[in-house]
Amino acid sequence: MPTCDKCGCECEVDELRELAGKQVCEDCYLDGIEITKTCDPWAVHSAKNTLATDGKPILTEIQQQIYDLIVKEKRLTPEEAARRLNIPETELRREFATLRHLELLRGEKTADGMVITTF
């Protein structure tokens, strides 16, 4: 059975997709083509007005874990947060975009790159 060139998982031949000259599984393909926008004023407006109940946003389990970790640690790089939560960095960045739109977390540039912190 063929394997994904990126993550190494086994998949059926018809499930492989070509991405940048590599044969990858659907999950890696979607991660590779996804463009997550963290700074989107319309998404901020929509998120704050449609996802809130009693003034508090409804978060998924992983979003709540990310939020709780950043509140506890104050500032973490995306790589470190993903490592501590044992999730792929692509998933962390996707969930961070939602938390950014809800104005719960934000990115902050540093001399070494970027850290995630609270609003």
Protein backbone atom coordinates (compact mmCIF):
# COMPACT_ATOMS: atom_id res chain seq x y z
CA MET A 1 0.00 0.00 0.00
CA PRO A 2 1.43 3.45 -0.88
CA THR A 3 2.35 5.95 1.81
CA CYS A 4 2.04 9.73 2.09
CA ASP A 5 5.34 11.47 1.29
CA LYS A 6 4.71 14.00 4.08
CA CYS A 7 3.29 12.16 7.11
CA GLY A 8 4.04 8.57 6.14
CA CYS A 9 0.52 7.20 6.65
CA GLU A 10 -0.65 4.36 4.44
CA CYS A 11 -3.48 5.19 2.03
CA GLU A 12 -5.25 3.83 -0.99
CA VAL A 13 -3.85 4.90 -4.37
CA ASP A 14 -7.02 6.86 -5.18
CA GLU A 15 -6.69 8.83 -1.91
CA LEU A 16 -3.27 10.28 -2.79
CA ARG A 17 -3.04 13.82 -4.17
CA GLU A 18 -0.10 15.60 -5.77
CA LEU A 19 1.23 18.63 -3.91
CA ALA A 20 4.52 20.33 -4.78
CA GLY A 21 5.72 17.24 -6.62
CA LYS A 22 4.93 14.86 -3.75
CA GLN A 23 2.20 12.26 -3.32
CA VAL A 24 0.34 13.15 -0.12
CA CYS A 25 -2.78 11.99 1.73
CA GLU A 26 -5.92 14.13 1.77
CA ASP A 27 -5.17 15.58 5.23
CA CYS A 28 -1.68 16.71 4.21
CA TYR A 29 -3.05 18.01 0.91
CA LEU A 30 -5.66 20.15 2.68
CA ASP A 31 -3.04 21.41 5.16
CA GLY A 32 -0.80 22.30 2.21
CA ILE A 33 -3.36 24.32 0.26
CA GLU A 34 -5.16 25.95 3.18
CA ILE A 35 -4.64 29.67 3.64
CA THR A 36 -5.65 30.71 7.14
CA LYS A 37 -6.22 34.43 7.62
CA THR A 38 -5.82 35.61 11.19
CA CYS A 39 -6.39 39.31 10.54
CA ASP A 40 -9.84 39.57 8.99
CA PRO A 41 -12.14 42.32 10.33
CA TRP A 42 -15.29 40.76 8.87
CA ALA A 43 -14.46 37.39 10.48
CA VAL A 44 -13.95 39.17 13.82
CA HIS A 45 -17.36 40.83 13.52
CA SER A 46 -19.07 37.60 12.48
CA ALA A 47 -17.39 35.49 15.16
CA LYS A 48 -18.23 37.88 17.96
CA ASN A 49 -21.87 38.23 16.90
CA THR A 50 -22.78 34.67 15.96
CA LEU A 51 -20.75 32.38 18.22
CA ALA A 52 -21.46 34.01 21.56
CA THR A 53 -23.94 32.87 24.19
CA ASP A 54 -24.36 34.89 27.34
CA GLY A 55 -21.47 37.06 26.18
CA LYS A 56 -19.05 34.11 26.14
CA PRO A 57 -17.93 32.43 22.93
CA ILE A 58 -18.56 28.73 22.39
CA LEU A 59 -15.19 27.02 21.92
CA THR A 60 -14.36 23.55 20.71
CA GLU A 61 -12.43 21.31 23.09
CA ILE A 62 -9.10 21.96 21.33
CA GLN A 63 -9.75 25.72 21.16
CA GLN A 64 -10.42 25.72 24.92
CA GLN A 65 -7.20 23.77 25.53
CA ILE A 66 -5.19 26.23 23.42
CA TYR A 67 -6.78 29.20 25.18
CA ASP A 68 -6.22 27.73 28.66
CA LEU A 69 -2.57 26.94 27.86
CA ILE A 70 -1.85 30.48 26.66
CA VAL A 71 -3.65 32.04 29.64
CA LYS A 72 -1.54 29.87 31.96
CA GLU A 73 1.81 30.39 30.21
CA LYS A 74 1.21 34.02 29.08
CA ARG A 75 3.26 33.68 25.84
CA LEU A 76 4.23 30.69 23.71
CA THR A 77 5.48 30.17 20.19
CA PRO A 78 3.06 28.26 17.95
CA GLU A 79 5.59 25.43 17.76
CA GLU A 80 5.82 25.13 21.56
CA ALA A 81 2.04 25.33 22.03
CA ALA A 82 1.50 22.61 19.42
CA ARG A 83 4.17 20.43 21.05
CA ARG A 84 2.65 20.81 24.52
CA LEU A 85 -0.83 20.00 23.25
CA ASN A 86 0.48 17.15 21.09
CA ILE A 87 -1.23 18.43 17.93
CA PRO A 88 0.16 19.33 14.50
CA GLU A 89 1.24 22.94 14.18
CA THR A 90 -1.08 23.33 11.19
CA GLU A 91 -4.05 22.44 13.40
CA LEU A 92 -2.90 24.86 16.09
CA ARG A 93 -2.61 27.69 13.56
CA ARG A 94 -6.06 26.92 12.15
CA GLU A 95 -7.65 26.97 15.62
CA PHE A 96 -5.62 30.05 16.59
CA ALA A 97 -7.20 31.92 13.66
CA THR A 98 -10.64 31.34 15.18
CA LEU A 99 -9.44 32.41 18.64
CA ARG A 100 -7.92 35.52 17.05
CA HIS A 101 -11.21 36.33 15.32
CA LEU A 102 -12.94 36.03 18.70
CA GLU A 103 -10.32 38.43 20.08
CA LEU A 104 -9.32 35.95 22.78
CA LEU A 105 -5.74 35.40 21.60
CA ARG A 106 -3.41 37.38 19.39
CA GLY A 107 -0.05 37.04 17.75
CA GLU A 108 2.83 39.26 18.78
CA LYS A 109 6.00 39.70 16.75
CA THR A 110 9.28 39.19 18.56
CA ALA A 111 12.90 39.37 17.49
CA ASP A 112 12.83 35.58 17.10
CA GLY A 113 9.52 35.31 15.24
CA MET A 114 6.03 35.25 16.72
CA VAL A 115 4.40 34.28 19.99
CA ILE A 116 0.77 33.72 20.89
CA THR A 117 -0.55 35.72 23.82
CA THR A 118 -3.88 36.95 25.19
CA PHE A 119 -5.71 40.06 24.01
